Amino acid sequence: PETGYGYVERAEPLGEFNGCAAYRVNRFLEKPNLETAQRFLASGTYYWNSGIFIWQLSTLMEAFSRYLPEFYQNLVEMEQAVQSGQPIEPIWQGINPVSIDVGIMERAEKVAMIPVDIGWNDVGSWAATHQVGQSDENDNVLVGKDIHVFDSRGLLVESDHRLVAAIGLEDVVIVDTPDALLVCARDKTQDVKKIVTWLQDNNRTELL
């Protein structure tokens, strides 16, 4: 019941293709709270949204034209610029960005899904980085040349510019960069967005 992922709810089956069952998509749902995620898991009809999409280019362009007409016009203008040897940067800078999930997938009417078990992990948090990293016998993932931990378990420590030492810690993330240091519990890594919001609110944009 992962609270850091988006979910897809399946609808009626569409058949089997190359040995894989396919379903029509009922809806996309963004990051739920724990209670909702547990309910999703128990239902058996919700899946993590891996963000892996397959389409024909013509279908995607039609969707841009229908759901994001302003962005579609930007694409047309960039194509014309390329063909005429003009720079696309001025057009690119004027684009109002929106994710493909929100702009297209959550609004499109003809969306199908194929549930797969491929060992997928959305490495979008430090906790996920720990899961996919190479751990030692105490489940510590150490990324850097001069990191030393003692009597500690379940750490993710990342630093590439100075010595970092940890003693007597459990399930903690330490990320040391030249301009900032992050220390947090592994089960709170999704809350790093609180720091980003604080930096924005306090005009500390040099750290973003």
N, C-alpha and C. Protein backbone atom coordinates (compact mmCIF):
# COMPACT_ATOMS: atom_id res chain seq x y z
N PRO A 1 0.82 -1.21 0.00
CA PRO A 1 0.00 0.00 0.00
C PRO A 1 0.86 1.27 0.00
N GLU A 2 1.53 1.51 -1.11
CA GLU A 2 2.48 2.62 -1.22
C GLU A 2 1.74 3.95 -1.37
N THR A 3 2.02 4.89 -0.49
CA THR A 3 1.34 6.20 -0.53
C THR A 3 2.06 7.19 -1.43
N GLY A 4 3.23 6.85 -1.93
CA GLY A 4 3.98 7.78 -2.77
C GLY A 4 3.75 7.59 -4.25
N TYR A 5 2.90 6.64 -4.64
CA TYR A 5 2.67 6.35 -6.05
C TYR A 5 1.27 6.79 -6.47
N GLY A 6 1.09 7.01 -7.78
CA GLY A 6 -0.24 7.14 -8.34
C GLY A 6 -0.78 5.76 -8.66
N TYR A 7 -2.09 5.64 -8.78
CA TYR A 7 -2.73 4.35 -9.02
C TYR A 7 -3.61 4.39 -10.27
N VAL A 8 -3.86 3.20 -10.81
CA VAL A 8 -4.79 3.02 -11.92
C VAL A 8 -5.84 2.01 -11.48
N GLU A 9 -7.11 2.34 -11.71
CA GLU A 9 -8.19 1.40 -11.41
C GLU A 9 -8.65 0.76 -12.72
N ARG A 10 -8.66 -0.56 -12.74
CA ARG A 10 -9.07 -1.26 -13.95
C ARG A 10 -10.59 -1.35 -14.02
N ALA A 11 -11.07 -1.49 -15.26
CA ALA A 11 -12.50 -1.69 -15.50
C ALA A 11 -12.67 -3.06 -16.18
N GLU A 12 -13.56 -3.15 -17.17
CA GLU A 12 -13.86 -4.45 -17.76
C GLU A 12 -12.68 -4.98 -18.58
N PRO A 13 -12.56 -6.32 -18.68
CA PRO A 13 -11.47 -6.92 -19.44
C PRO A 13 -11.64 -6.70 -20.94
N LEU A 14 -10.52 -6.58 -21.64
CA LEU A 14 -10.54 -6.37 -23.09
C LEU A 14 -10.02 -7.57 -23.85
N GLY A 15 -9.62 -8.61 -23.12
CA GLY A 15 -9.08 -9.79 -23.78
C GLY A 15 -7.64 -10.02 -23.39
N GLU A 16 -7.01 -10.95 -24.09
CA GLU A 16 -5.63 -11.32 -23.81
C GLU A 16 -4.79 -11.08 -25.04
N PHE A 17 -3.61 -10.47 -24.84
CA PHE A 17 -2.74 -10.12 -25.95
C PHE A 17 -1.33 -10.59 -25.63
N ASN A 18 -0.81 -11.48 -26.47
CA ASN A 18 0.53 -12.04 -26.24
C ASN A 18 0.65 -12.63 -24.84
N GLY A 19 -0.42 -13.27 -24.38
CA GLY A 19 -0.40 -13.92 -23.08
C GLY A 19 -0.62 -12.99 -21.90
N CYS A 20 -0.94 -11.73 -22.16
CA CYS A 20 -1.15 -10.76 -21.09
C CYS A 20 -2.60 -10.27 -21.11
N ALA A 21 -3.25 -10.28 -19.95
CA ALA A 21 -4.61 -9.79 -19.84
C ALA A 21 -4.62 -8.27 -19.90
N ALA A 22 -5.56 -7.71 -20.65
CA ALA A 22 -5.69 -6.26 -20.78
C ALA A 22 -7.06 -5.83 -20.28
N TYR A 23 -7.13 -4.62 -19.75
CA TYR A 23 -8.37 -4.09 -19.19
C TYR A 23 -8.55 -2.64 -19.64
N ARG A 24 -9.79 -2.24 -19.73
CA ARG A 24 -10.06 -0.82 -19.91
C ARG A 24 -9.76 -0.11 -18.59
N VAL A 25 -9.25 1.11 -18.66
CA VAL A 25 -8.95 1.89 -17.47
C VAL A 25 -10.20 2.64 -17.03
N ASN A 26 -10.53 2.52 -15.74
CA ASN A 26 -11.66 3.26 -15.20
C ASN A 26 -11.24 4.68 -14.82
N ARG A 27 -10.11 4.79 -14.09
CA ARG A 27 -9.65 6.12 -13.69
C ARG A 27 -8.23 6.03 -13.14
N PHE A 28 -7.59 7.19 -13.13
CA PHE A 28 -6.28 7.36 -12.50
C PHE A 28 -6.50 8.08 -11.18
N LEU A 29 -5.73 7.71 -10.17
CA LEU A 29 -5.83 8.36 -8.87
C LEU A 29 -4.42 8.69 -8.38
N GLU A 30 -4.26 9.90 -7.89
CA GLU A 30 -2.94 10.31 -7.41
C GLU A 30 -2.68 9.79 -5.99
N LYS A 31 -1.55 10.14 -5.47
CA LYS A 31 -1.02 9.59 -4.22
C LYS A 31 -2.07 9.59 -3.10
N PRO A 32 -2.48 8.41 -2.63
CA PRO A 32 -3.51 8.31 -1.58
C PRO A 32 -2.88 8.35 -0.20
N ASN A 33 -3.73 8.55 0.82
CA ASN A 33 -3.23 8.37 2.18
C ASN A 33 -3.14 6.87 2.46
N LEU A 34 -2.60 6.49 3.61
CA LEU A 34 -2.35 5.08 3.89
C LEU A 34 -3.64 4.27 3.93
N GLU A 35 -4.68 4.81 4.56
CA GLU A 35 -5.95 4.08 4.66
C GLU A 35 -6.53 3.80 3.27
N THR A 36 -6.47 4.80 2.41
CA THR A 36 -6.99 4.62 1.04
C THR A 36 -6.13 3.63 0.27
N ALA A 37 -4.81 3.72 0.41
CA ALA A 37 -3.91 2.80 -0.28
C ALA A 37 -4.16 1.36 0.16
N GLN A 38 -4.42 1.16 1.44
CA GLN A 38 -4.72 -0.19 1.93
C GLN A 38 -6.03 -0.70 1.33
N ARG A 39 -7.00 0.20 1.18
CA ARG A 39 -8.27 -0.19 0.56
C ARG A 39 -8.06 -0.55 -0.92
N PHE A 40 -7.22 0.21 -1.60
CA PHE A 40 -6.90 -0.10 -3.00
C PHE A 40 -6.30 -1.50 -3.10
N LEU A 41 -5.35 -1.79 -2.22
CA LEU A 41 -4.66 -3.07 -2.25
C LEU A 41 -5.63 -4.22 -2.01
N ALA A 42 -6.53 -4.04 -1.04
CA ALA A 42 -7.48 -5.11 -0.69
C ALA A 42 -8.48 -5.37 -1.80
N SER A 43 -8.80 -4.35 -2.61
CA SER A 43 -9.82 -4.51 -3.65
C SER A 43 -9.36 -5.41 -4.78
N GLY A 44 -8.07 -5.42 -5.07
CA GLY A 44 -7.55 -6.23 -6.17
C GLY A 44 -7.76 -5.64 -7.54
N THR A 45 -8.33 -4.43 -7.63
CA THR A 45 -8.59 -3.82 -8.94
C THR A 45 -7.77 -2.55 -9.17
N TYR A 46 -6.89 -2.24 -8.24
CA TYR A 46 -6.03 -1.05 -8.38
C TYR A 46 -4.58 -1.49 -8.55
N TYR A 47 -3.85 -0.71 -9.34
CA TYR A 47 -2.46 -1.02 -9.64
C TYR A 47 -1.63 0.25 -9.54
N TRP A 48 -0.34 0.09 -9.25
CA TRP A 48 0.55 1.25 -9.30
C TRP A 48 0.63 1.74 -10.73
N ASN A 49 0.61 3.03 -10.89
CA ASN A 49 0.77 3.63 -12.21
C ASN A 49 2.27 3.81 -12.47
N SER A 50 2.83 2.96 -13.30
CA SER A 50 4.27 3.00 -13.57
C SER A 50 4.66 4.18 -14.45
N GLY A 51 3.67 4.79 -15.11
CA GLY A 51 3.99 5.89 -16.02
C GLY A 51 4.62 5.41 -17.32
N ILE A 52 4.48 4.13 -17.62
CA ILE A 52 4.99 3.57 -18.88
C ILE A 52 3.83 3.52 -19.86
N PHE A 53 3.85 4.39 -20.87
CA PHE A 53 2.74 4.52 -21.81
C PHE A 53 3.17 4.11 -23.21
N ILE A 54 2.24 3.52 -23.94
CA ILE A 54 2.48 3.10 -25.32
C ILE A 54 1.36 3.66 -26.18
N TRP A 55 1.73 4.30 -27.28
CA TRP A 55 0.71 4.85 -28.19
C TRP A 55 1.29 5.03 -29.58
N GLN A 56 0.42 5.17 -30.56
CA GLN A 56 0.85 5.61 -31.87
C GLN A 56 1.00 7.13 -31.83
N LEU A 57 1.97 7.64 -32.55
CA LEU A 57 2.22 9.08 -32.54
C LEU A 57 0.99 9.86 -32.99
N SER A 58 0.29 9.32 -33.98
CA SER A 58 -0.89 10.02 -34.48
C SER A 58 -1.97 10.11 -33.41
N THR A 59 -2.11 9.06 -32.60
CA THR A 59 -3.09 9.06 -31.51
C THR A 59 -2.72 10.09 -30.45
N LEU A 60 -1.42 10.15 -30.12
CA LEU A 60 -0.97 11.11 -29.12
C LEU A 60 -1.17 12.55 -29.60
N MET A 61 -0.85 12.81 -30.86
CA MET A 61 -1.01 14.16 -31.39
C MET A 61 -2.48 14.56 -31.42
N GLU A 62 -3.35 13.63 -31.73
CA GLU A 62 -4.79 13.90 -31.70
C GLU A 62 -5.24 14.24 -30.28
N ALA A 63 -4.68 13.53 -29.29
CA ALA A 63 -5.02 13.81 -27.90
C ALA A 63 -4.53 15.19 -27.47
N PHE A 64 -3.30 15.55 -27.89
CA PHE A 64 -2.80 16.90 -27.60
C PHE A 64 -3.73 17.95 -28.19
N SER A 65 -4.15 17.72 -29.42
CA SER A 65 -5.02 18.68 -30.11
C SER A 65 -6.35 18.84 -29.38
N ARG A 66 -6.86 17.74 -28.83
CA ARG A 66 -8.18 17.77 -28.18
C ARG A 66 -8.12 18.30 -26.75
N TYR A 67 -7.13 17.82 -25.98
CA TYR A 67 -7.12 18.12 -24.55
C TYR A 67 -6.17 19.26 -24.16
N LEU A 68 -5.13 19.46 -24.98
CA LEU A 68 -4.16 20.53 -24.70
C LEU A 68 -3.91 21.34 -25.97
N PRO A 69 -4.93 22.04 -26.45
CA PRO A 69 -4.81 22.73 -27.74
C PRO A 69 -3.69 23.78 -27.77
N GLU A 70 -3.45 24.47 -26.66
CA GLU A 70 -2.39 25.47 -26.63
C GLU A 70 -1.03 24.81 -26.80
N PHE A 71 -0.83 23.68 -26.08
CA PHE A 71 0.42 22.95 -26.20
C PHE A 71 0.56 22.35 -27.60
N TYR A 72 -0.53 21.87 -28.16
CA TYR A 72 -0.50 21.32 -29.52
C TYR A 72 -0.03 22.39 -30.50
N GLN A 73 -0.52 23.61 -30.34
CA GLN A 73 -0.10 24.71 -31.21
C GLN A 73 1.38 24.99 -31.04
N ASN A 74 1.89 24.88 -29.80
CA ASN A 74 3.32 25.04 -29.57
C ASN A 74 4.12 23.99 -30.36
N LEU A 75 3.63 22.76 -30.35
CA LEU A 75 4.31 21.69 -31.09
C LEU A 75 4.33 21.98 -32.58
N VAL A 76 3.20 22.45 -33.10
CA VAL A 76 3.13 22.79 -34.52
C VAL A 76 4.12 23.90 -34.86
N GLU A 77 4.18 24.91 -34.01
CA GLU A 77 5.10 26.03 -34.24
C GLU A 77 6.56 25.58 -34.17
N MET A 78 6.86 24.66 -33.23
CA MET A 78 8.24 24.15 -33.15
C MET A 78 8.60 23.34 -34.38
N GLU A 79 7.65 22.55 -34.88
CA GLU A 79 7.91 21.78 -36.10
C GLU A 79 8.19 22.72 -37.27
N GLN A 80 7.40 23.78 -37.38
CA GLN A 80 7.60 24.75 -38.46
C GLN A 80 8.95 25.44 -38.31
N ALA A 81 9.33 25.75 -37.06
CA ALA A 81 10.61 26.39 -36.83
C ALA A 81 11.77 25.50 -37.25
N VAL A 82 11.69 24.22 -36.91
CA VAL A 82 12.74 23.28 -37.29
C VAL A 82 12.85 23.19 -38.81
N GLN A 83 11.72 23.10 -39.47
CA GLN A 83 11.71 22.96 -40.93
C GLN A 83 12.28 24.20 -41.62
N SER A 84 12.12 25.36 -40.99
CA SER A 84 12.61 26.60 -41.60
C SER A 84 13.98 27.01 -41.08
N GLY A 85 14.57 26.16 -40.21
CA GLY A 85 15.89 26.46 -39.69
C GLY A 85 15.92 27.51 -38.60
N GLN A 86 14.77 27.77 -37.97
CA GLN A 86 14.68 28.76 -36.91
C GLN A 86 14.83 28.08 -35.54
N PRO A 87 15.30 28.81 -34.52
CA PRO A 87 15.44 28.22 -33.19
C PRO A 87 14.07 27.96 -32.56
N ILE A 88 13.98 26.88 -31.77
CA ILE A 88 12.72 26.56 -31.09
C ILE A 88 12.70 27.09 -29.67
N GLU A 89 13.85 27.59 -29.17
CA GLU A 89 13.91 28.01 -27.77
C GLU A 89 12.87 29.04 -27.37
N PRO A 90 12.61 30.08 -28.19
CA PRO A 90 11.58 31.05 -27.78
C PRO A 90 10.20 30.43 -27.61
N ILE A 91 9.88 29.45 -28.44
CA ILE A 91 8.59 28.76 -28.32
C ILE A 91 8.60 27.88 -27.07
N TRP A 92 9.71 27.15 -26.89
CA TRP A 92 9.85 26.25 -25.75
C TRP A 92 9.70 26.99 -24.43
N GLN A 93 10.31 28.17 -24.34
CA GLN A 93 10.25 28.94 -23.11
C GLN A 93 8.83 29.41 -22.79
N GLY A 94 7.97 29.49 -23.79
CA GLY A 94 6.61 29.96 -23.56
C GLY A 94 5.61 28.86 -23.25
N ILE A 95 6.07 27.61 -23.20
CA ILE A 95 5.17 26.49 -22.94
C ILE A 95 4.73 26.47 -21.48
N ASN A 96 3.45 26.22 -21.26
CA ASN A 96 2.92 26.02 -19.92
C ASN A 96 2.99 24.53 -19.61
N PRO A 97 3.94 24.08 -18.78
CA PRO A 97 4.16 22.64 -18.62
C PRO A 97 3.05 21.95 -17.84
N VAL A 98 2.71 20.75 -18.27
CA VAL A 98 1.74 19.91 -17.58
C VAL A 98 2.15 18.46 -17.81
N SER A 99 2.01 17.62 -16.80
CA SER A 99 2.43 16.22 -16.96
C SER A 99 1.49 15.49 -17.90
N ILE A 100 2.02 14.46 -18.56
CA ILE A 100 1.21 13.67 -19.49
C ILE A 100 0.06 12.98 -18.75
N ASP A 101 0.27 12.64 -17.47
CA ASP A 101 -0.80 12.00 -16.68
C ASP A 101 -1.99 12.94 -16.54
N VAL A 102 -1.72 14.17 -16.10
CA VAL A 102 -2.80 15.12 -15.85
C VAL A 102 -3.37 15.66 -17.16
N GLY A 103 -2.48 15.99 -18.10
CA GLY A 103 -2.93 16.63 -19.33
C GLY A 103 -3.68 15.71 -20.27
N ILE A 104 -3.27 14.44 -20.33
CA ILE A 104 -3.85 13.52 -21.31
C ILE A 104 -4.50 12.31 -20.66
N MET A 105 -3.72 11.52 -19.89
CA MET A 105 -4.19 10.21 -19.48
C MET A 105 -5.41 10.25 -18.58
N GLU A 106 -5.48 11.24 -17.69
CA GLU A 106 -6.63 11.32 -16.78
C GLU A 106 -7.89 11.80 -17.50
N ARG A 107 -7.75 12.29 -18.72
CA ARG A 107 -8.90 12.85 -19.45
C ARG A 107 -9.28 12.02 -20.68
N ALA A 108 -8.36 11.22 -21.18
CA ALA A 108 -8.63 10.44 -22.39
C ALA A 108 -9.70 9.38 -22.14
N GLU A 109 -10.47 9.09 -23.18
CA GLU A 109 -11.59 8.17 -23.06
C GLU A 109 -11.24 6.74 -23.45
N LYS A 110 -10.22 6.58 -24.27
CA LYS A 110 -9.85 5.24 -24.74
C LYS A 110 -8.47 4.88 -24.21
N VAL A 111 -8.45 4.39 -22.97
CA VAL A 111 -7.19 4.01 -22.34
C VAL A 111 -7.31 2.57 -21.84
N ALA A 112 -6.32 1.77 -22.16
CA ALA A 112 -6.27 0.38 -21.71
C ALA A 112 -5.02 0.18 -20.87
N MET A 113 -5.03 -0.86 -20.05
CA MET A 113 -3.87 -1.16 -19.21
C MET A 113 -3.58 -2.65 -19.22
N ILE A 114 -2.32 -2.99 -19.05
CA ILE A 114 -1.88 -4.38 -18.93
C ILE A 114 -1.12 -4.51 -17.62
N PRO A 115 -1.67 -5.21 -16.63
CA PRO A 115 -0.95 -5.42 -15.37
C PRO A 115 0.28 -6.31 -15.61
N VAL A 116 1.43 -5.89 -15.09
CA VAL A 116 2.65 -6.68 -15.25
C VAL A 116 3.43 -6.70 -13.94
N ASP A 117 4.18 -7.76 -13.74
CA ASP A 117 5.05 -7.88 -12.59
C ASP A 117 6.47 -7.89 -13.11
N ILE A 118 7.12 -6.73 -13.10
CA ILE A 118 8.45 -6.61 -13.71
C ILE A 118 9.48 -6.10 -12.71
N GLY A 119 9.15 -6.18 -11.41
CA GLY A 119 10.10 -5.69 -10.43
C GLY A 119 10.27 -4.20 -10.49
N TRP A 120 9.23 -3.50 -10.90
CA TRP A 120 9.30 -2.05 -11.11
C TRP A 120 9.35 -1.30 -9.79
N ASN A 121 10.13 -0.23 -9.79
CA ASN A 121 10.21 0.63 -8.62
C ASN A 121 10.33 2.07 -9.10
N ASP A 122 9.48 2.93 -8.61
CA ASP A 122 9.53 4.35 -8.95
C ASP A 122 10.57 5.01 -8.06
N VAL A 123 11.78 5.19 -8.60
CA VAL A 123 12.85 5.75 -7.78
C VAL A 123 12.64 7.26 -7.69
N GLY A 124 11.60 7.63 -6.96
CA GLY A 124 11.23 9.03 -6.81
C GLY A 124 11.41 9.53 -5.40
N SER A 125 12.00 8.72 -4.54
CA SER A 125 12.25 9.13 -3.17
C SER A 125 13.54 8.49 -2.69
N TRP A 126 14.09 9.00 -1.60
CA TRP A 126 15.31 8.41 -1.07
C TRP A 126 15.05 7.01 -0.52
N ALA A 127 13.83 6.76 -0.02
CA ALA A 127 13.50 5.41 0.45
C ALA A 127 13.56 4.42 -0.70
N ALA A 128 13.07 4.83 -1.86
CA ALA A 128 13.13 3.96 -3.04
C ALA A 128 14.57 3.75 -3.48
N THR A 129 15.40 4.78 -3.36
CA THR A 129 16.81 4.65 -3.70
C THR A 129 17.47 3.59 -2.81
N HIS A 130 17.07 3.56 -1.55
CA HIS A 130 17.59 2.54 -0.64
C HIS A 130 17.16 1.15 -1.09
N GLN A 131 15.93 1.02 -1.53
CA GLN A 131 15.41 -0.29 -1.94
C GLN A 131 16.17 -0.86 -3.13
N VAL A 132 16.57 -0.02 -4.05
CA VAL A 132 17.23 -0.52 -5.27
C VAL A 132 18.75 -0.50 -5.16
N GLY A 133 19.27 0.08 -4.08
CA GLY A 133 20.72 0.17 -3.92
C GLY A 133 21.35 -1.13 -3.45
N GLN A 134 22.66 -1.19 -3.54
CA GLN A 134 23.41 -2.37 -3.09
C GLN A 134 23.69 -2.23 -1.60
N SER A 135 23.10 -3.09 -0.80
CA SER A 135 23.20 -2.96 0.65
C SER A 135 24.23 -3.93 1.22
N ASP A 136 24.72 -3.58 2.42
CA ASP A 136 25.65 -4.46 3.11
C ASP A 136 24.87 -5.44 4.00
N GLU A 137 25.57 -6.16 4.86
CA GLU A 137 24.91 -7.18 5.68
C GLU A 137 23.95 -6.59 6.71
N ASN A 138 24.02 -5.29 6.94
CA ASN A 138 23.11 -4.63 7.87
C ASN A 138 22.08 -3.76 7.16
N ASP A 139 21.90 -4.02 5.88
CA ASP A 139 20.90 -3.31 5.07
C ASP A 139 21.24 -1.82 4.95
N ASN A 140 22.50 -1.48 5.02
CA ASN A 140 22.95 -0.10 4.79
C ASN A 140 23.36 0.07 3.34
N VAL A 141 22.89 1.13 2.72
CA VAL A 141 23.30 1.48 1.36
C VAL A 141 24.18 2.72 1.45
N LEU A 142 25.44 2.58 1.08
CA LEU A 142 26.41 3.65 1.23
C LEU A 142 26.91 4.06 -0.15
N VAL A 143 26.65 5.32 -0.52
CA VAL A 143 27.01 5.81 -1.85
C VAL A 143 28.04 6.91 -1.67
N GLY A 144 29.30 6.60 -1.90
CA GLY A 144 30.39 7.54 -1.70
C GLY A 144 31.64 6.81 -1.27
N LYS A 145 32.78 7.50 -1.31
CA LYS A 145 34.05 6.85 -1.06
C LYS A 145 34.48 6.90 0.41
N ASP A 146 33.97 7.85 1.17
CA ASP A 146 34.48 8.05 2.53
C ASP A 146 33.32 8.08 3.53
N ILE A 147 32.55 6.99 3.55
CA ILE A 147 31.39 6.86 4.43
C ILE A 147 31.64 5.68 5.37
N HIS A 148 31.41 5.90 6.66
CA HIS A 148 31.67 4.86 7.64
C HIS A 148 30.52 4.82 8.65
N VAL A 149 29.93 3.66 8.83
CA VAL A 149 28.81 3.52 9.77
C VAL A 149 29.14 2.43 10.78
N PHE A 150 28.68 2.64 12.00
CA PHE A 150 28.95 1.71 13.10
C PHE A 150 27.65 1.46 13.86
N ASP A 151 27.40 0.21 14.18
CA ASP A 151 26.23 -0.17 14.97
C ASP A 151 24.96 0.45 14.40
N SER A 152 24.82 0.41 13.08
CA SER A 152 23.67 1.03 12.41
C SER A 152 23.07 0.06 11.42
N ARG A 153 21.78 0.25 11.16
CA ARG A 153 21.04 -0.66 10.26
C ARG A 153 20.03 0.13 9.44
N GLY A 154 19.89 -0.27 8.19
CA GLY A 154 18.86 0.31 7.33
C GLY A 154 19.11 1.74 6.91
N LEU A 155 20.38 2.14 6.81
CA LEU A 155 20.70 3.52 6.44
C LEU A 155 20.87 3.66 4.93
N LEU A 156 20.55 4.85 4.44
CA LEU A 156 21.01 5.29 3.13
C LEU A 156 21.88 6.51 3.38
N VAL A 157 23.15 6.42 3.04
CA VAL A 157 24.06 7.55 3.20
C VAL A 157 24.69 7.84 1.85
N GLU A 158 24.60 9.10 1.42
CA GLU A 158 25.16 9.48 0.13
C GLU A 158 25.98 10.75 0.30
N SER A 159 27.23 10.68 -0.08
CA SER A 159 28.12 11.84 -0.01
C SER A 159 29.33 11.56 -0.89
N ASP A 160 29.76 12.56 -1.65
CA ASP A 160 30.90 12.34 -2.52
C ASP A 160 31.98 13.40 -2.37
N HIS A 161 31.90 14.20 -1.29
CA HIS A 161 32.89 15.28 -1.19
C HIS A 161 33.55 15.40 0.18
N ARG A 162 33.07 14.65 1.20
CA ARG A 162 33.75 14.68 2.50
C ARG A 162 33.37 13.44 3.30
N LEU A 163 34.09 13.22 4.37
CA LEU A 163 33.81 12.07 5.23
C LEU A 163 32.47 12.23 5.93
N VAL A 164 31.69 11.15 5.95
CA VAL A 164 30.45 11.11 6.71
C VAL A 164 30.49 9.86 7.58
N ALA A 165 30.23 10.03 8.88
CA ALA A 165 30.23 8.90 9.81
C ALA A 165 28.90 8.87 10.56
N ALA A 166 28.38 7.68 10.80
CA ALA A 166 27.12 7.51 11.53
C ALA A 166 27.29 6.41 12.57
N ILE A 167 26.72 6.64 13.75
CA ILE A 167 26.84 5.68 14.84
C ILE A 167 25.46 5.47 15.49
N GLY A 168 25.07 4.21 15.62
CA GLY A 168 23.87 3.86 16.38
C GLY A 168 22.57 4.35 15.79
N LEU A 169 22.48 4.37 14.46
CA LEU A 169 21.26 4.84 13.80
C LEU A 169 20.52 3.68 13.15
N GLU A 170 19.22 3.87 12.92
CA GLU A 170 18.40 2.85 12.26
C GLU A 170 17.38 3.52 11.36
N ASP A 171 17.30 3.04 10.11
CA ASP A 171 16.31 3.50 9.13
C ASP A 171 16.34 5.02 8.96
N VAL A 172 17.53 5.53 8.68
CA VAL A 172 17.73 6.97 8.50
C VAL A 172 18.36 7.22 7.13
N VAL A 173 17.99 8.35 6.52
CA VAL A 173 18.58 8.79 5.26
C VAL A 173 19.46 9.99 5.53
N ILE A 174 20.69 9.95 5.05
CA ILE A 174 21.62 11.07 5.15
C ILE A 174 22.14 11.36 3.74
N VAL A 175 21.85 12.55 3.25
CA VAL A 175 22.32 12.95 1.92
C VAL A 175 23.09 14.24 2.08
N ASP A 176 24.39 14.17 1.85
CA ASP A 176 25.28 15.31 2.06
C ASP A 176 25.77 15.81 0.71
N THR A 177 25.39 17.04 0.35
CA THR A 177 25.82 17.66 -0.90
C THR A 177 26.63 18.91 -0.56
N PRO A 178 27.32 19.49 -1.53
CA PRO A 178 28.16 20.66 -1.22
C PRO A 178 27.41 21.83 -0.60
N ASP A 179 26.12 21.98 -0.87
CA ASP A 179 25.42 23.17 -0.35
C ASP A 179 24.32 22.86 0.65
N ALA A 180 24.07 21.59 0.95
CA ALA A 180 22.99 21.28 1.89
C ALA A 180 23.15 19.87 2.44
N LEU A 181 22.56 19.64 3.60
CA LEU A 181 22.58 18.33 4.25
C LEU A 181 21.15 17.94 4.60
N LEU A 182 20.75 16.75 4.18
CA LEU A 182 19.43 16.22 4.51
C LEU A 182 19.59 15.03 5.46
N VAL A 183 18.86 15.06 6.56
CA VAL A 183 18.81 13.94 7.49
C VAL A 183 17.35 13.70 7.81
N CYS A 184 16.85 12.49 7.54
CA CYS A 184 15.44 12.22 7.84
C CYS A 184 15.22 10.73 8.03
N ALA A 185 14.10 10.40 8.66
CA ALA A 185 13.72 9.00 8.81
C ALA A 185 13.35 8.44 7.44
N ARG A 186 13.67 7.17 7.20
CA ARG A 186 13.41 6.58 5.90
C ARG A 186 11.93 6.57 5.55
N ASP A 187 11.06 6.47 6.56
CA ASP A 187 9.63 6.44 6.28
C ASP A 187 9.04 7.84 6.13
N LYS A 188 9.88 8.86 6.14
CA LYS A 188 9.41 10.24 5.98
C LYS A 188 10.00 10.91 4.73
N THR A 189 10.61 10.12 3.85
CA THR A 189 11.30 10.74 2.72
C THR A 189 10.35 11.42 1.73
N GLN A 190 9.09 10.98 1.70
CA GLN A 190 8.13 11.67 0.83
C GLN A 190 7.89 13.10 1.31
N ASP A 191 8.18 13.36 2.57
CA ASP A 191 7.94 14.70 3.12
C ASP A 191 9.02 15.70 2.75
N VAL A 192 9.97 15.30 1.92
CA VAL A 192 10.99 16.25 1.49
C VAL A 192 10.36 17.43 0.76
N LYS A 193 9.15 17.23 0.22
CA LYS A 193 8.45 18.33 -0.44
C LYS A 193 8.14 19.46 0.54
N LYS A 194 8.05 19.15 1.84
CA LYS A 194 7.85 20.21 2.83
C LYS A 194 9.05 21.15 2.86
N ILE A 195 10.23 20.57 2.70
CA ILE A 195 11.44 21.40 2.67
C ILE A 195 11.43 22.27 1.42
N VAL A 196 11.04 21.68 0.29
CA VAL A 196 10.98 22.44 -0.96
C VAL A 196 10.02 23.61 -0.82
N THR A 197 8.86 23.35 -0.22
CA THR A 197 7.88 24.42 -0.02
C THR A 197 8.44 25.51 0.89
N TRP A 198 9.13 25.10 1.95
CA TRP A 198 9.72 26.07 2.88
C TRP A 198 10.77 26.93 2.17
N LEU A 199 11.59 26.29 1.34
CA LEU A 199 12.61 27.04 0.60
C LEU A 199 11.97 28.05 -0.34
N GLN A 200 10.89 27.65 -1.00
CA GLN A 200 10.18 28.56 -1.91
C GLN A 200 9.57 29.73 -1.14
N ASP A 201 8.92 29.41 -0.02
CA ASP A 201 8.25 30.45 0.78
C ASP A 201 9.24 31.44 1.37
N ASN A 202 10.48 30.99 1.59
CA ASN A 202 11.48 31.85 2.22
C ASN A 202 12.54 32.36 1.23
N ASN A 203 12.19 32.26 -0.06
CA ASN A 203 13.05 32.80 -1.12
C ASN A 203 14.47 32.23 -1.09
N ARG A 204 14.57 30.94 -0.75
CA ARG A 204 15.87 30.27 -0.78
C ARG A 204 16.01 29.50 -2.10
N THR A 205 15.70 30.16 -3.18
CA THR A 205 15.66 29.49 -4.48
C THR A 205 17.02 29.02 -4.95
N GLU A 206 18.12 29.57 -4.37
CA GLU A 206 19.45 29.12 -4.78
C GLU A 206 19.70 27.66 -4.43
N LEU A 207 18.85 27.10 -3.55
CA LEU A 207 19.02 25.70 -3.13
C LEU A 207 18.07 24.76 -3.86
N LEU A 208 17.25 25.29 -4.74
CA LEU A 208 16.29 24.43 -5.45
C LEU A 208 16.89 23.93 -6.76
